[in-house]
Every structure is written in structure tokens, then in C-alpha cells.
Amino acid sequence: MFKRILVATDGSVLSKKAVTSAIALAAQGNAELVALTVVPRYPTSYMDGAMIFTPEDIARIEKQWANAAQGTLDLVSARAKNSGVSVKTATVNSDLVAESIIAAAKKHKCDLIVMASHGRKGIKRLLLGSETQHVLTHSTLPVLVLR
């Protein structure tokens, strides 16, 4: 059985289902849960789709995204603890979502990655189907994809 399970979440409806499944799997196998969210950096060039904002505006927007991510992790943590599951939370600030998920799984010595098949779209996206595909093809750990 698995000893430490990483669940990647962005707070979307589909990722909440992945969290529910990861908590149940961890509870069933007496495993520890590592809840991870990846917060993107605000695009700073026109080619990245950014609007013209001051550095203060960008810092404020990135702080809002970080606060929302922490709120998501707090909810996951509370649900896991209510199910008797030991949980750690982690936030990574990066535009390289799949690489960040794989690196976090290695850092926390996880033996399974659980994630949704896709997440939000547009500027609010933290996990996308293409990110899930990247994790599947580049991770040396087992990956459970839920939809």
C-alpha cells in the first residue's frame, strides 16, 4: 500500500473530487497526505497575455492568488483531519505546474500522485489537462488520474 500520497489541487470542482478520493485512499491505507497547489506567476509580457499593470498591481494580484490557494489547502487539511488522515500542505509559485508537482512528490517522498484529469481554464487555471498529461509521461511515480 502507499505510505505518502500527494494530491494536486486547484480548488476546481474536479480537483475537489480528486481530493475526496485521495483522502479516502489515504484513510483506507493509513497513509499520510500531502496536499499541493501550484500558484502561477502573473504574466509580465504582452506575449504572455498580460495587461499593463504596475509592479504593485501585480504583487497584489499574486497575493490574492496565493491567499486563494492557501484557503483551498486549509479546506483540504480540515477534511483530511476530519477523516483521521495526517496531512501536510505545500504551495509552489511557478508557471511550470507539472514539473512542480513531480518535484514536490519527490521532495516529500511520496509514492503516489493523485490529480484531476483537468482543471480551470484561462487566467485562473492552475492545473490543465496538458499538465496532467505531462505528469503522466514524466513522473517515475504512479499517478492516479480522476475525472
N, C-alpha and C. Protein backbone atom coordinates (compact mmCIF):
# COMPACT_ATOMS: atom_id res chain seq x y z
N MET A 1 0.82 -1.17 0.00
CA MET A 1 0.00 0.00 0.00
C MET A 1 0.88 1.25 0.00
N PHE A 2 0.28 2.39 -0.26
CA PHE A 2 1.00 3.65 -0.32
C PHE A 2 1.17 4.23 1.08
N LYS A 3 2.34 4.85 1.30
CA LYS A 3 2.63 5.43 2.61
C LYS A 3 2.43 6.94 2.63
N ARG A 4 2.69 7.59 1.49
CA ARG A 4 2.53 9.05 1.41
C ARG A 4 1.99 9.38 0.02
N ILE A 5 0.85 10.05 0.00
CA ILE A 5 0.14 10.36 -1.24
C ILE A 5 0.13 11.86 -1.45
N LEU A 6 0.57 12.31 -2.62
CA LEU A 6 0.48 13.72 -2.97
C LEU A 6 -0.79 13.92 -3.78
N VAL A 7 -1.61 14.89 -3.38
CA VAL A 7 -2.78 15.25 -4.17
C VAL A 7 -2.60 16.69 -4.62
N ALA A 8 -2.68 16.90 -5.93
CA ALA A 8 -2.55 18.23 -6.51
C ALA A 8 -3.95 18.80 -6.68
N THR A 9 -4.14 20.02 -6.20
CA THR A 9 -5.47 20.63 -6.27
C THR A 9 -5.37 22.10 -6.66
N ASP A 10 -6.41 22.55 -7.34
CA ASP A 10 -6.51 23.97 -7.67
C ASP A 10 -7.82 24.56 -7.17
N GLY A 11 -8.59 23.76 -6.43
CA GLY A 11 -9.85 24.24 -5.90
C GLY A 11 -11.03 24.08 -6.85
N SER A 12 -10.79 23.59 -8.07
CA SER A 12 -11.88 23.40 -9.02
C SER A 12 -12.74 22.22 -8.57
N VAL A 13 -13.93 22.12 -9.15
CA VAL A 13 -14.86 21.05 -8.79
C VAL A 13 -14.22 19.69 -9.04
N LEU A 14 -13.57 19.53 -10.17
CA LEU A 14 -12.96 18.24 -10.49
C LEU A 14 -11.80 17.92 -9.55
N SER A 15 -11.00 18.90 -9.21
CA SER A 15 -9.89 18.61 -8.29
C SER A 15 -10.40 18.32 -6.88
N LYS A 16 -11.57 18.86 -6.53
CA LYS A 16 -12.16 18.53 -5.23
C LYS A 16 -12.54 17.06 -5.18
N LYS A 17 -12.97 16.51 -6.31
CA LYS A 17 -13.27 15.08 -6.38
C LYS A 17 -11.98 14.27 -6.22
N ALA A 18 -10.90 14.75 -6.80
CA ALA A 18 -9.61 14.06 -6.64
C ALA A 18 -9.16 14.11 -5.19
N VAL A 19 -9.39 15.23 -4.53
CA VAL A 19 -9.05 15.36 -3.10
C VAL A 19 -9.85 14.36 -2.28
N THR A 20 -11.15 14.28 -2.55
CA THR A 20 -12.00 13.33 -1.83
C THR A 20 -11.49 11.91 -1.99
N SER A 21 -11.13 11.53 -3.19
CA SER A 21 -10.62 10.18 -3.45
C SER A 21 -9.27 9.97 -2.78
N ALA A 22 -8.42 10.97 -2.81
CA ALA A 22 -7.10 10.85 -2.18
C ALA A 22 -7.22 10.70 -0.67
N ILE A 23 -8.14 11.45 -0.06
CA ILE A 23 -8.36 11.33 1.38
C ILE A 23 -8.87 9.94 1.72
N ALA A 24 -9.82 9.44 0.94
CA ALA A 24 -10.37 8.10 1.19
C ALA A 24 -9.29 7.04 1.04
N LEU A 25 -8.46 7.16 0.02
CA LEU A 25 -7.38 6.20 -0.21
C LEU A 25 -6.37 6.26 0.93
N ALA A 26 -6.03 7.46 1.37
CA ALA A 26 -5.09 7.62 2.48
C ALA A 26 -5.66 7.04 3.77
N ALA A 27 -6.95 7.28 4.02
CA ALA A 27 -7.59 6.76 5.22
C ALA A 27 -7.62 5.23 5.20
N GLN A 28 -7.93 4.69 4.04
CA GLN A 28 -8.02 3.24 3.91
C GLN A 28 -6.67 2.57 4.13
N GLY A 29 -5.61 3.19 3.64
CA GLY A 29 -4.28 2.59 3.74
C GLY A 29 -3.43 3.15 4.86
N ASN A 30 -4.03 3.99 5.71
CA ASN A 30 -3.29 4.63 6.81
C ASN A 30 -2.05 5.38 6.28
N ALA A 31 -2.24 6.09 5.19
CA ALA A 31 -1.16 6.83 4.56
C ALA A 31 -1.23 8.30 4.94
N GLU A 32 -0.10 8.98 4.80
CA GLU A 32 -0.05 10.42 5.00
C GLU A 32 -0.42 11.10 3.69
N LEU A 33 -1.07 12.26 3.78
CA LEU A 33 -1.46 13.01 2.60
C LEU A 33 -0.64 14.29 2.50
N VAL A 34 -0.17 14.59 1.32
CA VAL A 34 0.49 15.87 1.04
C VAL A 34 -0.39 16.59 0.02
N ALA A 35 -1.00 17.69 0.43
CA ALA A 35 -1.86 18.48 -0.45
C ALA A 35 -1.03 19.61 -1.04
N LEU A 36 -1.04 19.70 -2.36
CA LEU A 36 -0.21 20.67 -3.08
C LEU A 36 -1.05 21.52 -4.00
N THR A 37 -0.75 22.80 -4.03
CA THR A 37 -1.30 23.67 -5.05
C THR A 37 -0.17 24.47 -5.67
N VAL A 38 -0.26 24.69 -6.96
CA VAL A 38 0.76 25.45 -7.69
C VAL A 38 0.13 26.77 -8.10
N VAL A 39 0.75 27.86 -7.67
CA VAL A 39 0.24 29.20 -7.95
C VAL A 39 1.11 29.81 -9.06
N PRO A 40 0.49 30.19 -10.17
CA PRO A 40 1.27 30.76 -11.28
C PRO A 40 1.73 32.17 -10.97
N ARG A 41 2.74 32.59 -11.66
CA ARG A 41 3.16 33.99 -11.59
C ARG A 41 2.33 34.77 -12.59
N TYR A 42 2.12 36.05 -12.29
CA TYR A 42 1.36 36.88 -13.21
C TYR A 42 2.18 37.10 -14.48
N PRO A 43 1.56 36.95 -15.68
CA PRO A 43 2.32 37.18 -16.91
C PRO A 43 2.80 38.62 -16.99
N THR A 44 4.04 38.81 -17.36
CA THR A 44 4.61 40.17 -17.35
C THR A 44 4.94 40.70 -18.73
N SER A 45 4.70 39.93 -19.76
CA SER A 45 4.95 40.45 -21.09
C SER A 45 3.68 40.38 -21.91
N TYR A 46 3.63 41.19 -22.92
CA TYR A 46 2.46 41.23 -23.80
C TYR A 46 2.21 39.86 -24.42
N MET A 47 3.29 39.17 -24.74
CA MET A 47 3.17 37.86 -25.37
C MET A 47 2.55 36.84 -24.41
N ASP A 48 2.68 37.03 -23.12
CA ASP A 48 2.08 36.14 -22.14
C ASP A 48 0.61 36.46 -21.90
N GLY A 49 0.10 37.49 -22.54
CA GLY A 49 -1.30 37.86 -22.37
C GLY A 49 -1.56 38.81 -21.24
N ALA A 50 -0.54 39.48 -20.76
CA ALA A 50 -0.70 40.38 -19.62
C ALA A 50 -1.24 41.72 -20.07
N MET A 51 -1.99 42.32 -19.17
CA MET A 51 -2.39 43.70 -19.37
C MET A 51 -1.31 44.55 -18.73
N ILE A 52 -1.33 45.81 -18.98
CA ILE A 52 -0.32 46.70 -18.41
C ILE A 52 -0.71 47.05 -16.97
N PHE A 53 0.04 46.53 -16.02
CA PHE A 53 -0.17 46.80 -14.61
C PHE A 53 1.13 47.26 -13.99
N THR A 54 1.02 47.98 -12.91
CA THR A 54 2.22 48.39 -12.17
C THR A 54 2.73 47.19 -11.39
N PRO A 55 3.99 47.24 -10.96
CA PRO A 55 4.50 46.15 -10.11
C PRO A 55 3.68 45.95 -8.84
N GLU A 56 3.13 47.04 -8.31
CA GLU A 56 2.29 46.93 -7.11
C GLU A 56 1.01 46.16 -7.42
N ASP A 57 0.42 46.44 -8.61
CA ASP A 57 -0.79 45.73 -9.02
C ASP A 57 -0.50 44.23 -9.17
N ILE A 58 0.60 43.93 -9.78
CA ILE A 58 0.98 42.53 -9.99
C ILE A 58 1.20 41.83 -8.65
N ALA A 59 1.89 42.50 -7.74
CA ALA A 59 2.11 41.93 -6.40
C ALA A 59 0.79 41.68 -5.69
N ARG A 60 -0.15 42.62 -5.83
CA ARG A 60 -1.46 42.47 -5.20
C ARG A 60 -2.21 41.28 -5.79
N ILE A 61 -2.20 41.15 -7.11
CA ILE A 61 -2.89 40.03 -7.77
C ILE A 61 -2.26 38.70 -7.38
N GLU A 62 -0.94 38.63 -7.37
CA GLU A 62 -0.26 37.39 -6.99
C GLU A 62 -0.55 37.04 -5.53
N LYS A 63 -0.68 38.06 -4.67
CA LYS A 63 -1.01 37.80 -3.26
C LYS A 63 -2.44 37.26 -3.15
N GLN A 64 -3.36 37.79 -3.95
CA GLN A 64 -4.73 37.27 -3.96
C GLN A 64 -4.74 35.81 -4.38
N TRP A 65 -3.96 35.47 -5.41
CA TRP A 65 -3.90 34.08 -5.87
C TRP A 65 -3.31 33.19 -4.78
N ALA A 66 -2.27 33.67 -4.10
CA ALA A 66 -1.64 32.88 -3.03
C ALA A 66 -2.61 32.68 -1.87
N ASN A 67 -3.37 33.72 -1.52
CA ASN A 67 -4.36 33.61 -0.44
C ASN A 67 -5.46 32.61 -0.80
N ALA A 68 -5.91 32.65 -2.05
CA ALA A 68 -6.93 31.70 -2.51
C ALA A 68 -6.38 30.27 -2.46
N ALA A 69 -5.14 30.10 -2.86
CA ALA A 69 -4.51 28.77 -2.81
C ALA A 69 -4.41 28.27 -1.38
N GLN A 70 -4.03 29.15 -0.46
CA GLN A 70 -3.94 28.75 0.94
C GLN A 70 -5.31 28.38 1.49
N GLY A 71 -6.32 29.11 1.09
CA GLY A 71 -7.69 28.77 1.50
C GLY A 71 -8.09 27.39 1.03
N THR A 72 -7.73 27.06 -0.20
CA THR A 72 -8.01 25.72 -0.74
C THR A 72 -7.29 24.66 0.08
N LEU A 73 -6.02 24.91 0.38
CA LEU A 73 -5.26 23.94 1.17
C LEU A 73 -5.79 23.80 2.58
N ASP A 74 -6.25 24.89 3.17
CA ASP A 74 -6.83 24.83 4.52
C ASP A 74 -8.07 23.94 4.53
N LEU A 75 -8.89 24.04 3.49
CA LEU A 75 -10.08 23.19 3.39
C LEU A 75 -9.70 21.72 3.24
N VAL A 76 -8.71 21.44 2.40
CA VAL A 76 -8.25 20.06 2.23
C VAL A 76 -7.72 19.52 3.55
N SER A 77 -6.93 20.33 4.23
CA SER A 77 -6.36 19.91 5.51
C SER A 77 -7.45 19.58 6.53
N ALA A 78 -8.45 20.42 6.62
CA ALA A 78 -9.55 20.19 7.56
C ALA A 78 -10.30 18.91 7.22
N ARG A 79 -10.58 18.70 5.94
CA ARG A 79 -11.29 17.48 5.53
C ARG A 79 -10.46 16.24 5.84
N ALA A 80 -9.16 16.30 5.56
CA ALA A 80 -8.30 15.14 5.82
C ALA A 80 -8.25 14.84 7.32
N LYS A 81 -8.07 15.86 8.13
CA LYS A 81 -8.00 15.66 9.58
C LYS A 81 -9.32 15.10 10.12
N ASN A 82 -10.45 15.57 9.58
CA ASN A 82 -11.76 15.05 9.99
C ASN A 82 -11.92 13.57 9.64
N SER A 83 -11.15 13.12 8.64
CA SER A 83 -11.20 11.71 8.24
C SER A 83 -10.11 10.89 8.93
N GLY A 84 -9.37 11.53 9.85
CA GLY A 84 -8.31 10.83 10.56
C GLY A 84 -7.03 10.65 9.78
N VAL A 85 -6.85 11.47 8.74
CA VAL A 85 -5.67 11.38 7.87
C VAL A 85 -4.67 12.46 8.25
N SER A 86 -3.42 12.07 8.43
CA SER A 86 -2.34 13.02 8.67
C SER A 86 -2.07 13.76 7.36
N VAL A 87 -1.96 15.08 7.44
CA VAL A 87 -1.82 15.87 6.21
C VAL A 87 -0.78 16.96 6.37
N LYS A 88 -0.02 17.17 5.30
CA LYS A 88 0.88 18.32 5.15
C LYS A 88 0.38 19.10 3.94
N THR A 89 0.59 20.41 3.96
CA THR A 89 0.21 21.22 2.81
C THR A 89 1.44 21.92 2.25
N ALA A 90 1.40 22.20 0.95
CA ALA A 90 2.52 22.88 0.30
C ALA A 90 1.98 23.73 -0.85
N THR A 91 2.57 24.90 -0.99
CA THR A 91 2.26 25.79 -2.11
C THR A 91 3.56 26.05 -2.86
N VAL A 92 3.49 25.98 -4.17
CA VAL A 92 4.64 26.28 -5.01
C VAL A 92 4.25 27.41 -5.95
N ASN A 93 5.08 28.42 -6.05
CA ASN A 93 4.86 29.52 -7.00
C ASN A 93 5.68 29.23 -8.25
N SER A 94 4.99 28.87 -9.32
CA SER A 94 5.70 28.51 -10.54
C SER A 94 4.73 28.47 -11.71
N ASP A 95 5.24 28.72 -12.89
CA ASP A 95 4.47 28.54 -14.11
C ASP A 95 4.66 27.14 -14.67
N LEU A 96 5.58 26.39 -14.09
CA LEU A 96 5.86 25.03 -14.53
C LEU A 96 5.09 24.07 -13.62
N VAL A 97 3.81 23.93 -13.88
CA VAL A 97 2.92 23.20 -12.99
C VAL A 97 3.32 21.73 -12.88
N ALA A 98 3.41 21.04 -13.99
CA ALA A 98 3.71 19.60 -13.96
C ALA A 98 5.05 19.33 -13.31
N GLU A 99 6.04 20.10 -13.66
CA GLU A 99 7.37 19.92 -13.08
C GLU A 99 7.33 20.16 -11.57
N SER A 100 6.53 21.13 -11.15
CA SER A 100 6.41 21.44 -9.72
C SER A 100 5.73 20.30 -8.97
N ILE A 101 4.74 19.69 -9.58
CA ILE A 101 4.04 18.56 -8.95
C ILE A 101 5.01 17.39 -8.78
N ILE A 102 5.74 17.07 -9.83
CA ILE A 102 6.69 15.96 -9.77
C ILE A 102 7.79 16.24 -8.75
N ALA A 103 8.31 17.46 -8.75
CA ALA A 103 9.37 17.82 -7.81
C ALA A 103 8.87 17.75 -6.36
N ALA A 104 7.65 18.22 -6.13
CA ALA A 104 7.09 18.18 -4.77
C ALA A 104 6.89 16.74 -4.32
N ALA A 105 6.45 15.89 -5.21
CA ALA A 105 6.26 14.47 -4.86
C ALA A 105 7.59 13.85 -4.45
N LYS A 106 8.65 14.18 -5.16
CA LYS A 106 9.98 13.66 -4.82
C LYS A 106 10.47 14.26 -3.51
N LYS A 107 10.31 15.56 -3.34
CA LYS A 107 10.76 16.26 -2.14
C LYS A 107 10.11 15.69 -0.88
N HIS A 108 8.81 15.39 -0.97
CA HIS A 108 8.07 14.89 0.18
C HIS A 108 8.07 13.37 0.27
N LYS A 109 8.86 12.74 -0.62
CA LYS A 109 9.00 11.27 -0.62
C LYS A 109 7.65 10.57 -0.75
N CYS A 110 6.84 11.05 -1.67
CA CYS A 110 5.54 10.44 -1.93
C CYS A 110 5.71 9.22 -2.82
N ASP A 111 4.78 8.29 -2.71
CA ASP A 111 4.84 7.11 -3.57
C ASP A 111 3.62 7.01 -4.48
N LEU A 112 2.79 8.05 -4.50
CA LEU A 112 1.65 8.14 -5.42
C LEU A 112 1.29 9.60 -5.60
N ILE A 113 0.94 9.96 -6.83
CA ILE A 113 0.42 11.30 -7.15
C ILE A 113 -1.04 11.12 -7.57
N VAL A 114 -1.94 11.88 -6.96
CA VAL A 114 -3.35 11.87 -7.32
C VAL A 114 -3.70 13.25 -7.85
N MET A 115 -4.36 13.29 -9.00
CA MET A 115 -4.75 14.57 -9.57
C MET A 115 -5.94 14.40 -10.50
N ALA A 116 -6.59 15.52 -10.79
CA ALA A 116 -7.73 15.53 -11.70
C ALA A 116 -7.23 15.48 -13.14
N SER A 117 -8.11 15.07 -14.02
CA SER A 117 -7.73 14.99 -15.43
C SER A 117 -7.56 16.36 -16.06
N HIS A 118 -8.21 17.37 -15.51
CA HIS A 118 -8.02 18.75 -15.97
C HIS A 118 -8.59 19.68 -14.92
N GLY A 119 -8.25 20.96 -15.04
CA GLY A 119 -8.69 21.93 -14.04
C GLY A 119 -9.31 23.14 -14.69
N ARG A 120 -9.05 24.28 -14.12
CA ARG A 120 -9.62 25.53 -14.62
C ARG A 120 -8.98 25.93 -15.93
N LYS A 121 -9.64 26.84 -16.61
CA LYS A 121 -9.11 27.35 -17.87
C LYS A 121 -8.84 28.85 -17.74
N GLY A 122 -8.06 29.36 -18.67
CA GLY A 122 -7.80 30.79 -18.70
C GLY A 122 -6.85 31.23 -17.60
N ILE A 123 -6.94 32.48 -17.25
CA ILE A 123 -6.02 33.08 -16.29
C ILE A 123 -6.13 32.43 -14.91
N LYS A 124 -7.29 31.82 -14.59
CA LYS A 124 -7.49 31.20 -13.29
C LYS A 124 -6.95 29.78 -13.23
N ARG A 125 -6.47 29.26 -14.33
CA ARG A 125 -6.06 27.87 -14.33
C ARG A 125 -4.79 27.64 -13.50
N LEU A 126 -4.80 26.54 -12.77
CA LEU A 126 -3.61 26.11 -12.06
C LEU A 126 -3.21 24.73 -12.56
N LEU A 127 -4.17 23.92 -12.91
CA LEU A 127 -3.90 22.61 -13.47
C LEU A 127 -4.71 22.46 -14.74
N LEU A 128 -4.10 21.96 -15.76
CA LEU A 128 -4.78 21.74 -17.02
C LEU A 128 -4.60 20.30 -17.44
N GLY A 129 -5.43 19.85 -18.34
CA GLY A 129 -5.28 18.51 -18.87
C GLY A 129 -3.88 18.27 -19.42
N SER A 130 -3.31 19.28 -20.06
CA SER A 130 -1.96 19.13 -20.60
C SER A 130 -0.95 18.95 -19.47
N GLU A 131 -1.20 19.56 -18.32
CA GLU A 131 -0.31 19.39 -17.17
C GLU A 131 -0.42 17.96 -16.64
N THR A 132 -1.63 17.45 -16.58
CA THR A 132 -1.85 16.08 -16.14
C THR A 132 -1.12 15.12 -17.08
N GLN A 133 -1.25 15.35 -18.36
CA GLN A 133 -0.56 14.52 -19.35
C GLN A 133 0.95 14.59 -19.14
N HIS A 134 1.47 15.77 -18.86
CA HIS A 134 2.91 15.94 -18.64
C HIS A 134 3.35 15.16 -17.40
N VAL A 135 2.57 15.22 -16.33
CA VAL A 135 2.90 14.47 -15.12
C VAL A 135 2.88 12.97 -15.43
N LEU A 136 1.88 12.53 -16.15
CA LEU A 136 1.78 11.10 -16.50
C LEU A 136 2.99 10.61 -17.29
N THR A 137 3.45 11.42 -18.20
CA THR A 137 4.54 10.98 -19.08
C THR A 137 5.93 11.21 -18.50
N HIS A 138 6.06 12.07 -17.48
CA HIS A 138 7.38 12.38 -16.95
C HIS A 138 7.65 11.90 -15.53
N SER A 139 6.61 11.49 -14.82
CA SER A 139 6.80 11.04 -13.45
C SER A 139 7.27 9.59 -13.42
N THR A 140 8.18 9.30 -12.50
CA THR A 140 8.58 7.92 -12.29
C THR A 140 7.71 7.25 -11.22
N LEU A 141 6.84 8.06 -10.58
CA LEU A 141 5.91 7.56 -9.57
C LEU A 141 4.58 7.18 -10.22
N PRO A 142 3.83 6.30 -9.59
CA PRO A 142 2.49 6.02 -10.08
C PRO A 142 1.63 7.29 -9.98
N VAL A 143 0.74 7.47 -10.95
CA VAL A 143 -0.15 8.63 -10.98
C VAL A 143 -1.58 8.12 -11.14
N LEU A 144 -2.44 8.55 -10.23
CA LEU A 144 -3.86 8.22 -10.30
C LEU A 144 -4.57 9.46 -10.80
N VAL A 145 -5.21 9.35 -11.98
CA VAL A 145 -5.92 10.48 -12.59
C VAL A 145 -7.41 10.24 -12.46
N LEU A 146 -8.09 11.23 -11.91
CA LEU A 146 -9.54 11.12 -11.70
C LEU A 146 -10.28 12.15 -12.52
N ARG A 147 -11.49 11.77 -12.95
CA ARG A 147 -12.34 12.73 -13.64
C ARG A 147 -13.75 12.63 -13.21
